[in-house]
Every structure is written in C-alpha cells, then in structure tokens.
Amino acid sequence: AERQRGKVSPSSYKDIVLGLLFLKFISHGYEQRRQEIEKET
C-alpha cells in the first residue's frame, strides 16, 4: 500500500486501501458460504 500511496495523504489513502481489503475479505466469506450451499443443494 505504501509503495502505491503517491500524493494522497495517509488519512485519505487509508479509505482506499481498507475499502479494497474489505471487499477482498467479504468476497472470500461469500465464496466459502456459496461452496457450502452448493454442497447442501
């Protein structure tokens, strides 16, 4: 994240980085649950 930051202040940039990380993590949870539903059905 730091390598990519550039001219954006850390207080603004944190939203960008944490937003992407959040999407990554909730997608992982979604995919795990989807696999469970696939097995159940």
PDB file of all heavy atoms in Angstrom:
ATOM      1  N   ALA A   1       0.824  -1.203   0.000  1.00  0.00           N
ATOM      2  CA  ALA A   1       0.000   0.000   0.000  1.00  0.00           C
ATOM      3  C   ALA A   1       0.861   1.257   0.000  1.00  0.00           C
ATOM      4  O   ALA A   1       0.591   2.208  -0.728  1.00  0.00           O
ATOM      5  CB  ALA A   1      -0.927  -0.007   1.213  1.00  0.00           C
ATOM      6  N   GLU A   2       1.903   1.259   0.789  1.00  0.00           N
ATOM      7  CA  GLU A   2       2.792   2.419   0.877  1.00  0.00           C
ATOM      8  C   GLU A   2       3.495   2.712  -0.447  1.00  0.00           C
ATOM      9  O   GLU A   2       3.683   3.862  -0.814  1.00  0.00           O
ATOM     10  CB  GLU A   2       3.850   2.202   1.966  1.00  0.00           C
ATOM     11  CG  GLU A   2       3.367   2.566   3.347  1.00  0.00           C
ATOM     12  CD  GLU A   2       3.073   4.040   3.480  1.00  0.00           C
ATOM     13  OE1 GLU A   2       4.003   4.863   3.539  1.00  0.00           O
ATOM     14  OE2 GLU A   2       1.881   4.384   3.515  1.00  0.00           O
ATOM     15  N   ARG A   3       3.858   1.655  -1.171  1.00  0.00           N
ATOM     16  CA  ARG A   3       4.504   1.857  -2.477  1.00  0.00           C
ATOM     17  C   ARG A   3       3.573   2.563  -3.457  1.00  0.00           C
ATOM     18  O   ARG A   3       4.025   3.243  -4.361  1.00  0.00           O
ATOM     19  CB  ARG A   3       4.943   0.523  -3.071  1.00  0.00           C
ATOM     20  CG  ARG A   3       6.178  -0.061  -2.446  1.00  0.00           C
ATOM     21  CD  ARG A   3       6.715  -1.214  -3.280  1.00  0.00           C
ATOM     22  NE  ARG A   3       5.761  -2.294  -3.445  1.00  0.00           N
ATOM     23  CZ  ARG A   3       5.569  -3.302  -2.588  1.00  0.00           C
ATOM     24  NH1 ARG A   3       6.273  -3.346  -1.481  1.00  0.00           N
ATOM     25  NH2 ARG A   3       4.693  -4.239  -2.824  1.00  0.00           N
ATOM     26  N   GLN A   4       2.290   2.387  -3.270  1.00  0.00           N
ATOM     27  CA  GLN A   4       1.316   2.936  -4.204  1.00  0.00           C
ATOM     28  C   GLN A   4       0.753   4.287  -3.794  1.00  0.00           C
ATOM     29  O   GLN A   4       0.084   4.949  -4.569  1.00  0.00           O
ATOM     30  CB  GLN A   4       0.144   1.951  -4.355  1.00  0.00           C
ATOM     31  CG  GLN A   4       0.538   0.549  -4.720  1.00  0.00           C
ATOM     32  CD  GLN A   4       1.441   0.478  -5.927  1.00  0.00           C
ATOM     33  OE1 GLN A   4       1.255   1.207  -6.884  1.00  0.00           O
ATOM     34  NE2 GLN A   4       2.443  -0.370  -5.868  1.00  0.00           N
ATOM     35  N   ARG A   5       1.014   4.694  -2.570  1.00  0.00           N
ATOM     36  CA  ARG A   5       0.327   5.842  -1.996  1.00  0.00           C
ATOM     37  C   ARG A   5       0.472   7.119  -2.810  1.00  0.00           C
ATOM     38  O   ARG A   5      -0.470   7.819  -3.053  1.00  0.00           O
ATOM     39  CB  ARG A   5       0.782   6.083  -0.556  1.00  0.00           C
ATOM     40  CG  ARG A   5       0.022   7.203   0.101  1.00  0.00           C
ATOM     41  CD  ARG A   5       0.186   7.210   1.593  1.00  0.00           C
ATOM     42  NE  ARG A   5       1.508   7.028   2.078  1.00  0.00           N
ATOM     43  CZ  ARG A   5       2.344   8.000   2.364  1.00  0.00           C
ATOM     44  NH1 ARG A   5       2.007   9.244   2.177  1.00  0.00           N
ATOM     45  NH2 ARG A   5       3.545   7.737   2.828  1.00  0.00           N
ATOM     46  N   GLY A   6       1.662   7.481  -3.210  1.00  0.00           N
ATOM     47  CA  GLY A   6       1.847   8.687  -4.004  1.00  0.00           C
ATOM     48  C   GLY A   6       1.555   9.957  -3.254  1.00  0.00           C
ATOM     49  O   GLY A   6       2.009  10.152  -2.135  1.00  0.00           O
ATOM     50  N   LYS A   7       0.748  10.815  -3.851  1.00  0.00           N
ATOM     51  CA  LYS A   7       0.498  12.155  -3.308  1.00  0.00           C
ATOM     52  C   LYS A   7      -0.685  12.226  -2.355  1.00  0.00           C
ATOM     53  O   LYS A   7      -0.973  13.288  -1.831  1.00  0.00           O
ATOM     54  CB  LYS A   7       0.248  13.118  -4.462  1.00  0.00           C
ATOM     55  CG  LYS A   7       1.433  13.265  -5.389  1.00  0.00           C
ATOM     56  CD  LYS A   7       1.107  14.200  -6.520  1.00  0.00           C
ATOM     57  CE  LYS A   7       2.283  14.287  -7.477  1.00  0.00           C
ATOM     58  NZ  LYS A   7       1.980  15.137  -8.619  1.00  0.00           N
ATOM     59  N   VAL A   8      -1.384  11.154  -2.155  1.00  0.00           N
ATOM     60  CA  VAL A   8      -2.578  11.176  -1.305  1.00  0.00           C
ATOM     61  C   VAL A   8      -2.168  11.067   0.158  1.00  0.00           C
ATOM     62  O   VAL A   8      -1.314  10.262   0.518  1.00  0.00           O
ATOM     63  CB  VAL A   8      -3.526  10.015  -1.683  1.00  0.00           C
ATOM     64  CG1 VAL A   8      -4.763  10.006  -0.820  1.00  0.00           C
ATOM     65  CG2 VAL A   8      -3.893  10.107  -3.152  1.00  0.00           C
ATOM     66  N   SER A   9      -2.797  11.855   1.007  1.00  0.00           N
ATOM     67  CA  SER A   9      -2.467  11.824   2.430  1.00  0.00           C
ATOM     68  C   SER A   9      -2.870  10.483   3.033  1.00  0.00           C
ATOM     69  O   SER A   9      -3.832   9.861   2.586  1.00  0.00           O
ATOM     70  CB  SER A   9      -3.184  12.950   3.168  1.00  0.00           C
ATOM     71  OG  SER A   9      -4.561  12.666   3.256  1.00  0.00           O
ATOM     72  N   PRO A  10      -2.137  10.039   4.058  1.00  0.00           N
ATOM     73  CA  PRO A  10      -2.468   8.750   4.681  1.00  0.00           C
ATOM     74  C   PRO A  10      -3.903   8.689   5.201  1.00  0.00           C
ATOM     75  O   PRO A  10      -4.544   7.655   5.111  1.00  0.00           O
ATOM     76  CB  PRO A  10      -1.476   8.647   5.840  1.00  0.00           C
ATOM     77  CG  PRO A  10      -0.333   9.497   5.436  1.00  0.00           C
ATOM     78  CD  PRO A  10      -0.924  10.619   4.630  1.00  0.00           C
ATOM     79  N   SER A  11      -4.424   9.801   5.716  1.00  0.00           N
ATOM     80  CA  SER A  11      -5.789   9.758   6.249  1.00  0.00           C
ATOM     81  C   SER A  11      -6.819   9.558   5.139  1.00  0.00           C
ATOM     82  O   SER A  11      -7.866   8.966   5.377  1.00  0.00           O
ATOM     83  CB  SER A  11      -6.088  11.017   7.055  1.00  0.00           C
ATOM     84  OG  SER A  11      -5.948  12.158   6.252  1.00  0.00           O
ATOM     85  N   SER A  12      -6.529  10.011   3.922  1.00  0.00           N
ATOM     86  CA  SER A  12      -7.425   9.764   2.783  1.00  0.00           C
ATOM     87  C   SER A  12      -7.142   8.399   2.168  1.00  0.00           C
ATOM     88  O   SER A  12      -8.054   7.678   1.783  1.00  0.00           O
ATOM     89  CB  SER A  12      -7.230  10.828   1.706  1.00  0.00           C
ATOM     90  OG  SER A  12      -7.529  12.089   2.201  1.00  0.00           O
ATOM     91  N   TYR A  13      -5.874   8.069   2.079  1.00  0.00           N
ATOM     92  CA  TYR A  13      -5.478   6.838   1.410  1.00  0.00           C
ATOM     93  C   TYR A  13      -5.931   5.598   2.169  1.00  0.00           C
ATOM     94  O   TYR A  13      -6.221   4.576   1.570  1.00  0.00           O
ATOM     95  CB  TYR A  13      -3.958   6.833   1.242  1.00  0.00           C
ATOM     96  CG  TYR A  13      -3.477   5.728   0.357  1.00  0.00           C
ATOM     97  CD1 TYR A  13      -3.785   5.726  -0.991  1.00  0.00           C
ATOM     98  CD2 TYR A  13      -2.739   4.675   0.867  1.00  0.00           C
ATOM     99  CE1 TYR A  13      -3.357   4.713  -1.812  1.00  0.00           C
ATOM    100  CE2 TYR A  13      -2.308   3.652   0.054  1.00  0.00           C
ATOM    101  CZ  TYR A  13      -2.615   3.685  -1.291  1.00  0.00           C
ATOM    102  OH  TYR A  13      -2.205   2.670  -2.095  1.00  0.00           O
ATOM    103  N   LYS A  14      -6.047   5.710   3.480  1.00  0.00           N
ATOM    104  CA  LYS A  14      -6.476   4.552   4.273  1.00  0.00           C
ATOM    105  C   LYS A  14      -7.824   4.044   3.814  1.00  0.00           C
ATOM    106  O   LYS A  14      -8.062   2.846   3.790  1.00  0.00           O
ATOM    107  CB  LYS A  14      -6.492   4.880   5.762  1.00  0.00           C
ATOM    108  CG  LYS A  14      -7.608   5.796   6.192  1.00  0.00           C
ATOM    109  CD  LYS A  14      -7.685   5.936   7.686  1.00  0.00           C
ATOM    110  CE  LYS A  14      -8.665   6.966   8.136  1.00  0.00           C
ATOM    111  NZ  LYS A  14      -9.964   7.007   7.535  1.00  0.00           N
ATOM    112  N   ASP A  15      -8.733   4.957   3.422  1.00  0.00           N
ATOM    113  CA  ASP A  15     -10.052   4.535   2.959  1.00  0.00           C
ATOM    114  C   ASP A  15      -9.960   3.711   1.673  1.00  0.00           C
ATOM    115  O   ASP A  15     -10.716   2.764   1.486  1.00  0.00           O
ATOM    116  CB  ASP A  15     -10.953   5.750   2.721  1.00  0.00           C
ATOM    117  CG  ASP A  15     -11.292   6.482   4.006  1.00  0.00           C
ATOM    118  OD1 ASP A  15     -11.345   5.829   5.073  1.00  0.00           O
ATOM    119  OD2 ASP A  15     -11.511   7.707   3.948  1.00  0.00           O
ATOM    120  N   ILE A  16      -9.035   4.070   0.828  1.00  0.00           N
ATOM    121  CA  ILE A  16      -8.849   3.344  -0.430  1.00  0.00           C
ATOM    122  C   ILE A  16      -8.329   1.940  -0.152  1.00  0.00           C
ATOM    123  O   ILE A  16      -8.890   0.947  -0.611  1.00  0.00           O
ATOM    124  CB  ILE A  16      -7.888   4.131  -1.353  1.00  0.00           C
ATOM    125  CG1 ILE A  16      -8.566   5.425  -1.788  1.00  0.00           C
ATOM    126  CG2 ILE A  16      -7.455   3.287  -2.545  1.00  0.00           C
ATOM    127  CD1 ILE A  16      -7.650   6.459  -2.355  1.00  0.00           C
ATOM    128  N   VAL A  17      -7.285   1.862   0.616  1.00  0.00           N
ATOM    129  CA  VAL A  17      -6.664   0.573   0.913  1.00  0.00           C
ATOM    130  C   VAL A  17      -7.611  -0.317   1.713  1.00  0.00           C
ATOM    131  O   VAL A  17      -7.824  -1.481   1.370  1.00  0.00           O
ATOM    132  CB  VAL A  17      -5.334   0.779   1.678  1.00  0.00           C
ATOM    133  CG1 VAL A  17      -4.784  -0.531   2.172  1.00  0.00           C
ATOM    134  CG2 VAL A  17      -4.327   1.478   0.774  1.00  0.00           C
ATOM    135  N   LEU A  18      -8.201   0.231   2.760  1.00  0.00           N
ATOM    136  CA  LEU A  18      -9.075  -0.577   3.607  1.00  0.00           C
ATOM    137  C   LEU A  18     -10.367  -0.961   2.879  1.00  0.00           C
ATOM    138  O   LEU A  18     -10.907  -2.046   3.108  1.00  0.00           O
ATOM    139  CB  LEU A  18      -9.357   0.138   4.921  1.00  0.00           C
ATOM    140  CG  LEU A  18      -8.122   0.326   5.801  1.00  0.00           C
ATOM    141  CD1 LEU A  18      -8.434   1.183   7.017  1.00  0.00           C
ATOM    142  CD2 LEU A  18      -7.520  -1.003   6.224  1.00  0.00           C
ATOM    143  N   GLY A  19     -10.830  -0.114   1.980  1.00  0.00           N
ATOM    144  CA  GLY A  19     -12.009  -0.455   1.175  1.00  0.00           C
ATOM    145  C   GLY A  19     -11.740  -1.653   0.278  1.00  0.00           C
ATOM    146  O   GLY A  19     -12.565  -2.570   0.174  1.00  0.00           O
ATOM    147  N   LEU A  20     -10.573  -1.655  -0.359  1.00  0.00           N
ATOM    148  CA  LEU A  20     -10.202  -2.795  -1.212  1.00  0.00           C
ATOM    149  C   LEU A  20     -10.010  -4.064  -0.392  1.00  0.00           C
ATOM    150  O   LEU A  20     -10.464  -5.145  -0.783  1.00  0.00           O
ATOM    151  CB  LEU A  20      -8.922  -2.485  -1.997  1.00  0.00           C
ATOM    152  CG  LEU A  20      -9.078  -1.552  -3.189  1.00  0.00           C
ATOM    153  CD1 LEU A  20      -7.706  -1.206  -3.783  1.00  0.00           C
ATOM    154  CD2 LEU A  20      -9.974  -2.159  -4.253  1.00  0.00           C
ATOM    155  N   LEU A  21      -9.334  -3.933   0.733  1.00  0.00           N
ATOM    156  CA  LEU A  21      -9.143  -5.105   1.598  1.00  0.00           C
ATOM    157  C   LEU A  21     -10.474  -5.663   2.093  1.00  0.00           C
ATOM    158  O   LEU A  21     -10.678  -6.872   2.138  1.00  0.00           O
ATOM    159  CB  LEU A  21      -8.264  -4.751   2.801  1.00  0.00           C
ATOM    160  CG  LEU A  21      -6.770  -4.811   2.568  1.00  0.00           C
ATOM    161  CD1 LEU A  21      -6.027  -4.317   3.802  1.00  0.00           C
ATOM    162  CD2 LEU A  21      -6.313  -6.199   2.204  1.00  0.00           C
ATOM    163  N   PHE A  22     -11.391  -4.769   2.453  1.00  0.00           N
ATOM    164  CA  PHE A  22     -12.699  -5.216   2.927  1.00  0.00           C
ATOM    165  C   PHE A  22     -13.419  -6.003   1.834  1.00  0.00           C
ATOM    166  O   PHE A  22     -13.974  -7.077   2.095  1.00  0.00           O
ATOM    167  CB  PHE A  22     -13.537  -4.021   3.380  1.00  0.00           C
ATOM    168  CG  PHE A  22     -14.855  -4.421   3.968  1.00  0.00           C
ATOM    169  CD1 PHE A  22     -14.914  -4.995   5.230  1.00  0.00           C
ATOM    170  CD2 PHE A  22     -16.033  -4.239   3.259  1.00  0.00           C
ATOM    171  CE1 PHE A  22     -16.140  -5.376   5.784  1.00  0.00           C
ATOM    172  CE2 PHE A  22     -17.253  -4.616   3.804  1.00  0.00           C
ATOM    173  CZ  PHE A  22     -17.301  -5.188   5.064  1.00  0.00           C
ATOM    174  N   LEU A  23     -13.389  -5.498   0.611  1.00  0.00           N
ATOM    175  CA  LEU A  23     -14.026  -6.215  -0.494  1.00  0.00           C
ATOM    176  C   LEU A  23     -13.389  -7.587  -0.691  1.00  0.00           C
ATOM    177  O   LEU A  23     -14.089  -8.582  -0.904  1.00  0.00           O
ATOM    178  CB  LEU A  23     -13.959  -5.397  -1.788  1.00  0.00           C
ATOM    179  CG  LEU A  23     -14.620  -6.049  -3.000  1.00  0.00           C
ATOM    180  CD1 LEU A  23     -16.109  -6.284  -2.770  1.00  0.00           C
ATOM    181  CD2 LEU A  23     -14.390  -5.201  -4.245  1.00  0.00           C
ATOM    182  N   LYS A  24     -12.080  -7.655  -0.592  1.00  0.00           N
ATOM    183  CA  LYS A  24     -11.371  -8.934  -0.725  1.00  0.00           C
ATOM    184  C   LYS A  24     -11.846  -9.922   0.343  1.00  0.00           C
ATOM    185  O   LYS A  24     -12.138 -11.084   0.058  1.00  0.00           O
ATOM    186  CB  LYS A  24      -9.862  -8.695  -0.616  1.00  0.00           C
ATOM    187  CG  LYS A  24      -8.995  -9.913  -0.403  1.00  0.00           C
ATOM    188  CD  LYS A  24      -8.778 -10.701  -1.652  1.00  0.00           C
ATOM    189  CE  LYS A  24      -7.777 -11.826  -1.374  1.00  0.00           C
ATOM    190  NZ  LYS A  24      -7.754 -12.789  -2.432  1.00  0.00           N
ATOM    191  N   PHE A  25     -11.935  -9.470   1.573  1.00  0.00           N
ATOM    192  CA  PHE A  25     -12.287 -10.359   2.673  1.00  0.00           C
ATOM    193  C   PHE A  25     -13.752 -10.768   2.669  1.00  0.00           C
ATOM    194  O   PHE A  25     -14.066 -11.916   2.938  1.00  0.00           O
ATOM    195  CB  PHE A  25     -11.872  -9.749   4.020  1.00  0.00           C
ATOM    196  CG  PHE A  25     -10.413  -9.926   4.287  1.00  0.00           C
ATOM    197  CD1 PHE A  25      -9.484  -9.016   3.811  1.00  0.00           C
ATOM    198  CD2 PHE A  25      -9.948 -11.025   4.986  1.00  0.00           C
ATOM    199  CE1 PHE A  25      -8.132  -9.192   4.035  1.00  0.00           C
ATOM    200  CE2 PHE A  25      -8.595 -11.206   5.212  1.00  0.00           C
ATOM    201  CZ  PHE A  25      -7.687 -10.301   4.734  1.00  0.00           C
ATOM    202  N   ILE A  26     -14.666  -9.844   2.347  1.00  0.00           N
ATOM    203  CA  ILE A  26     -16.069 -10.250   2.326  1.00  0.00           C
ATOM    204  C   ILE A  26     -16.346 -11.158   1.132  1.00  0.00           C
ATOM    205  O   ILE A  26     -17.209 -12.024   1.209  1.00  0.00           O
ATOM    206  CB  ILE A  26     -17.058  -9.061   2.386  1.00  0.00           C
ATOM    207  CG1 ILE A  26     -16.974  -8.170   1.162  1.00  0.00           C
ATOM    208  CG2 ILE A  26     -16.889  -8.298   3.683  1.00  0.00           C
ATOM    209  CD1 ILE A  26     -18.064  -7.100   1.091  1.00  0.00           C
ATOM    210  N   SER A  27     -15.589 -10.982   0.056  1.00  0.00           N
ATOM    211  CA  SER A  27     -15.738 -11.867  -1.102  1.00  0.00           C
ATOM    212  C   SER A  27     -15.298 -13.280  -0.750  1.00  0.00           C
ATOM    213  O   SER A  27     -15.927 -14.260  -1.172  1.00  0.00           O
ATOM    214  CB  SER A  27     -14.928 -11.347  -2.294  1.00  0.00           C
ATOM    215  OG  SER A  27     -15.458 -10.128  -2.754  1.00  0.00           O
ATOM    216  N   HIS A  28     -14.242 -13.383   0.032  1.00  0.00           N
ATOM    217  CA  HIS A  28     -13.766 -14.697   0.466  1.00  0.00           C
ATOM    218  C   HIS A  28     -14.849 -15.391   1.306  1.00  0.00           C
ATOM    219  O   HIS A  28     -15.155 -16.564   1.087  1.00  0.00           O
ATOM    220  CB  HIS A  28     -12.475 -14.573   1.269  1.00  0.00           C
ATOM    221  CG  HIS A  28     -12.005 -15.857   1.849  1.00  0.00           C
ATOM    222  ND1 HIS A  28     -11.436 -16.851   1.100  1.00  0.00           N
ATOM    223  CD2 HIS A  28     -12.062 -16.328   3.114  1.00  0.00           C
ATOM    224  CE1 HIS A  28     -11.156 -17.889   1.877  1.00  0.00           C
ATOM    225  NE2 HIS A  28     -11.525 -17.595   3.108  1.00  0.00           N
ATOM    226  N   GLY A  29     -15.440 -14.668   2.237  1.00  0.00           N
ATOM    227  CA  GLY A  29     -16.508 -15.232   3.062  1.00  0.00           C
ATOM    228  C   GLY A  29     -17.708 -15.647   2.226  1.00  0.00           C
ATOM    229  O   GLY A  29     -18.313 -16.699   2.451  1.00  0.00           O
ATOM    230  N   TYR A  30     -18.037 -14.818   1.248  1.00  0.00           N
ATOM    231  CA  TYR A  30     -19.151 -15.124   0.354  1.00  0.00           C
ATOM    232  C   TYR A  30     -18.868 -16.427  -0.416  1.00  0.00           C
ATOM    233  O   TYR A  30     -19.734 -17.299  -0.508  1.00  0.00           O
ATOM    234  CB  TYR A  30     -19.391 -13.962  -0.623  1.00  0.00           C
ATOM    235  CG  TYR A  30     -20.398 -14.304  -1.687  1.00  0.00           C
ATOM    236  CD1 TYR A  30     -21.757 -14.121  -1.452  1.00  0.00           C
ATOM    237  CD2 TYR A  30     -20.000 -14.834  -2.912  1.00  0.00           C
ATOM    238  CE1 TYR A  30     -22.687 -14.460  -2.415  1.00  0.00           C
ATOM    239  CE2 TYR A  30     -20.926 -15.179  -3.861  1.00  0.00           C
ATOM    240  CZ  TYR A  30     -22.267 -14.993  -3.617  1.00  0.00           C
ATOM    241  OH  TYR A  30     -23.194 -15.353  -4.569  1.00  0.00           O
ATOM    242  N   GLU A  31     -17.679 -16.536  -0.967  1.00  0.00           N
ATOM    243  CA  GLU A  31     -17.332 -17.730  -1.763  1.00  0.00           C
ATOM    244  C   GLU A  31     -17.344 -18.993  -0.905  1.00  0.00           C
ATOM    245  O   GLU A  31     -17.789 -20.050  -1.360  1.00  0.00           O
ATOM    246  CB  GLU A  31     -15.974 -17.554  -2.445  1.00  0.00           C
ATOM    247  CG  GLU A  31     -15.948 -16.488  -3.532  1.00  0.00           C
ATOM    248  CD  GLU A  31     -16.921 -16.722  -4.684  1.00  0.00           C
ATOM    249  OE1 GLU A  31     -17.280 -17.880  -4.968  1.00  0.00           O
ATOM    250  OE2 GLU A  31     -17.338 -15.718  -5.293  1.00  0.00           O
ATOM    251  N   GLN A  32     -16.868 -18.889   0.335  1.00  0.00           N
ATOM    252  CA  GLN A  32     -16.902 -20.050   1.232  1.00  0.00           C
ATOM    253  C   GLN A  32     -18.336 -20.486   1.495  1.00  0.00           C
ATOM    254  O   GLN A  32     -18.650 -21.675   1.438  1.00  0.00           O
ATOM    255  CB  GLN A  32     -16.221 -19.722   2.563  1.00  0.00           C
ATOM    256  CG  GLN A  32     -14.729 -19.767   2.512  1.00  0.00           C
ATOM    257  CD  GLN A  32     -14.140 -19.591   3.900  1.00  0.00           C
ATOM    258  OE1 GLN A  32     -14.551 -18.732   4.677  1.00  0.00           O
ATOM    259  NE2 GLN A  32     -13.162 -20.421   4.214  1.00  0.00           N
ATOM    260  N   ARG A  33     -19.200 -19.525   1.779  1.00  0.00           N
ATOM    261  CA  ARG A  33     -20.605 -19.850   2.047  1.00  0.00           C
ATOM    262  C   ARG A  33     -21.275 -20.404   0.798  1.00  0.00           C
ATOM    263  O   ARG A  33     -22.059 -21.343   0.861  1.00  0.00           O
ATOM    264  CB  ARG A  33     -21.346 -18.614   2.573  1.00  0.00           C
ATOM    265  CG  ARG A  33     -22.816 -18.836   2.815  1.00  0.00           C
ATOM    266  CD  ARG A  33     -23.084 -19.872   3.903  1.00  0.00           C
ATOM    267  NE  ARG A  33     -24.496 -20.179   3.962  1.00  0.00           N
ATOM    268  CZ  ARG A  33     -25.003 -21.408   4.093  1.00  0.00           C
ATOM    269  NH1 ARG A  33     -24.228 -22.454   4.227  1.00  0.00           N
ATOM    270  NH2 ARG A  33     -26.295 -21.590   4.098  1.00  0.00           N
ATOM    271  N   ARG A  34     -20.953 -19.854  -0.361  1.00  0.00           N
ATOM    272  CA  ARG A  34     -21.528 -20.337  -1.622  1.00  0.00           C
ATOM    273  C   ARG A  34     -21.153 -21.801  -1.851  1.00  0.00           C
ATOM    274  O   ARG A  34     -21.990 -22.604  -2.284  1.00  0.00           O
ATOM    275  CB  ARG A  34     -21.067 -19.455  -2.777  1.00  0.00           C
ATOM    276  CG  ARG A  34     -21.731 -19.799  -4.099  1.00  0.00           C
ATOM    277  CD  ARG A  34     -21.335 -18.819  -5.187  1.00  0.00           C
ATOM    278  NE  ARG A  34     -21.909 -19.195  -6.457  1.00  0.00           N
ATOM    279  CZ  ARG A  34     -23.114 -18.829  -6.881  1.00  0.00           C
ATOM    280  NH1 ARG A  34     -23.871 -18.050  -6.131  1.00  0.00           N
ATOM    281  NH2 ARG A  34     -23.573 -19.228  -8.054  1.00  0.00           N
ATOM    282  N   GLN A  35     -19.912 -22.155  -1.564  1.00  0.00           N
ATOM    283  CA  GLN A  35     -19.486 -23.555  -1.702  1.00  0.00           C
ATOM    284  C   GLN A  35     -20.273 -24.460  -0.763  1.00  0.00           C
ATOM    285  O   GLN A  35     -20.644 -25.577  -1.143  1.00  0.00           O
ATOM    286  CB  GLN A  35     -17.985 -23.688  -1.443  1.00  0.00           C
ATOM    287  CG  GLN A  35     -17.125 -23.110  -2.540  1.00  0.00           C
ATOM    288  CD  GLN A  35     -15.644 -23.106  -2.197  1.00  0.00           C
ATOM    289  OE1 GLN A  35     -15.215 -23.642  -1.187  1.00  0.00           O
ATOM    290  NE2 GLN A  35     -14.854 -22.488  -3.065  1.00  0.00           N
ATOM    291  N   GLU A  36     -20.538 -23.984   0.455  1.00  0.00           N
ATOM    292  CA  GLU A  36     -21.345 -24.762   1.396  1.00  0.00           C
ATOM    293  C   GLU A  36     -22.757 -24.982   0.848  1.00  0.00           C
ATOM    294  O   GLU A  36     -23.294 -26.090   0.927  1.00  0.00           O
ATOM    295  CB  GLU A  36     -21.439 -24.041   2.754  1.00  0.00           C
ATOM    296  CG  GLU A  36     -20.151 -23.996   3.532  1.00  0.00           C
ATOM    297  CD  GLU A  36     -20.233 -23.073   4.751  1.00  0.00           C
ATOM    298  OE1 GLU A  36     -21.332 -22.528   5.050  1.00  0.00           O
ATOM    299  OE2 GLU A  36     -19.185 -22.878   5.398  1.00  0.00           O
ATOM    300  N   ILE A  37     -23.349 -23.926   0.290  1.00  0.00           N
ATOM    301  CA  ILE A  37     -24.696 -24.035  -0.268  1.00  0.00           C
ATOM    302  C   ILE A  37     -24.694 -24.993  -1.453  1.00  0.00           C
ATOM    303  O   ILE A  37     -25.632 -25.789  -1.615  1.00  0.00           O
ATOM    304  CB  ILE A  37     -25.249 -22.649  -0.665  1.00  0.00           C
ATOM    305  CG1 ILE A  37     -25.389 -21.756   0.570  1.00  0.00           C
ATOM    306  CG2 ILE A  37     -26.594 -22.778  -1.388  1.00  0.00           C
ATOM    307  CD1 ILE A  37     -25.651 -20.285   0.248  1.00  0.00           C
ATOM    308  N   GLU A  38     -23.648 -24.945  -2.258  1.00  0.00           N
ATOM    309  CA  GLU A  38     -23.549 -25.867  -3.394  1.00  0.00           C
ATOM    310  C   GLU A  38     -23.539 -27.315  -2.920  1.00  0.00           C
ATOM    311  O   GLU A  38     -24.202 -28.173  -3.500  1.00  0.00           O
ATOM    312  CB  GLU A  38     -22.301 -25.563  -4.234  1.00  0.00           C
ATOM    313  CG  GLU A  38     -22.446 -24.314  -5.070  1.00  0.00           C
ATOM    314  CD  GLU A  38     -21.171 -23.917  -5.805  1.00  0.00           C
ATOM    315  OE1 GLU A  38     -20.082 -24.463  -5.513  1.00  0.00           O
ATOM    316  OE2 GLU A  38     -21.257 -23.021  -6.665  1.00  0.00           O
ATOM    317  N   LYS A  39     -22.803 -27.587  -1.853  1.00  0.00           N
ATOM    318  CA  LYS A  39     -22.773 -28.950  -1.297  1.00  0.00           C
ATOM    319  C   LYS A  39     -24.134 -29.340  -0.729  1.00  0.00           C
ATOM    320  O   LYS A  39     -24.596 -30.456  -0.929  1.00  0.00           O
ATOM    321  CB  LYS A  39     -21.707 -29.067  -0.209  1.00  0.00           C
ATOM    322  CG  LYS A  39     -20.299 -29.085  -0.735  1.00  0.00           C
ATOM    323  CD  LYS A  39     -19.290 -29.157   0.402  1.00  0.00           C
ATOM    324  CE  LYS A  39     -17.877 -28.996  -0.115  1.00  0.00           C
ATOM    325  NZ  LYS A  39     -16.896 -28.913   0.986  1.00  0.00           N
ATOM    326  N   GLU A  40     -24.766 -28.409  -0.014  1.00  0.00           N
ATOM    327  CA  GLU A  40     -26.063 -28.673   0.608  1.00  0.00           C
ATOM    328  C   GLU A  40     -27.162 -28.920  -0.428  1.00  0.00           C
ATOM    329  O   GLU A  40     -28.134 -29.608  -0.132  1.00  0.00           O
ATOM    330  CB  GLU A  40     -26.486 -27.490   1.497  1.00  0.00           C
ATOM    331  CG  GLU A  40     -25.609 -27.275   2.706  1.00  0.00           C
ATOM    332  CD  GLU A  40     -25.843 -25.923   3.375  1.00  0.00           C
ATOM    333  OE1 GLU A  40     -26.742 -25.154   2.933  1.00  0.00           O
ATOM    334  OE2 GLU A  40     -25.113 -25.614   4.338  1.00  0.00           O
ATOM    335  N   THR A  41     -27.018 -28.343  -1.610  1.00  0.00           N
ATOM    336  CA  THR A  41     -28.074 -28.419  -2.625  1.00  0.00           C
ATOM    337  C   THR A  41     -27.693 -29.295  -3.821  1.00  0.00           C
ATOM    338  O   THR A  41     -28.333 -29.204  -4.869  1.00  0.00           O
ATOM    339  CB  THR A  41     -28.423 -27.005  -3.133  1.00  0.00           C
ATOM    340  OG1 THR A  41     -27.264 -26.410  -3.720  1.00  0.00           O
ATOM    341  CG2 THR A  41     -28.945 -26.123  -2.005  1.00  0.00           C
TER     342      THR A  41
END
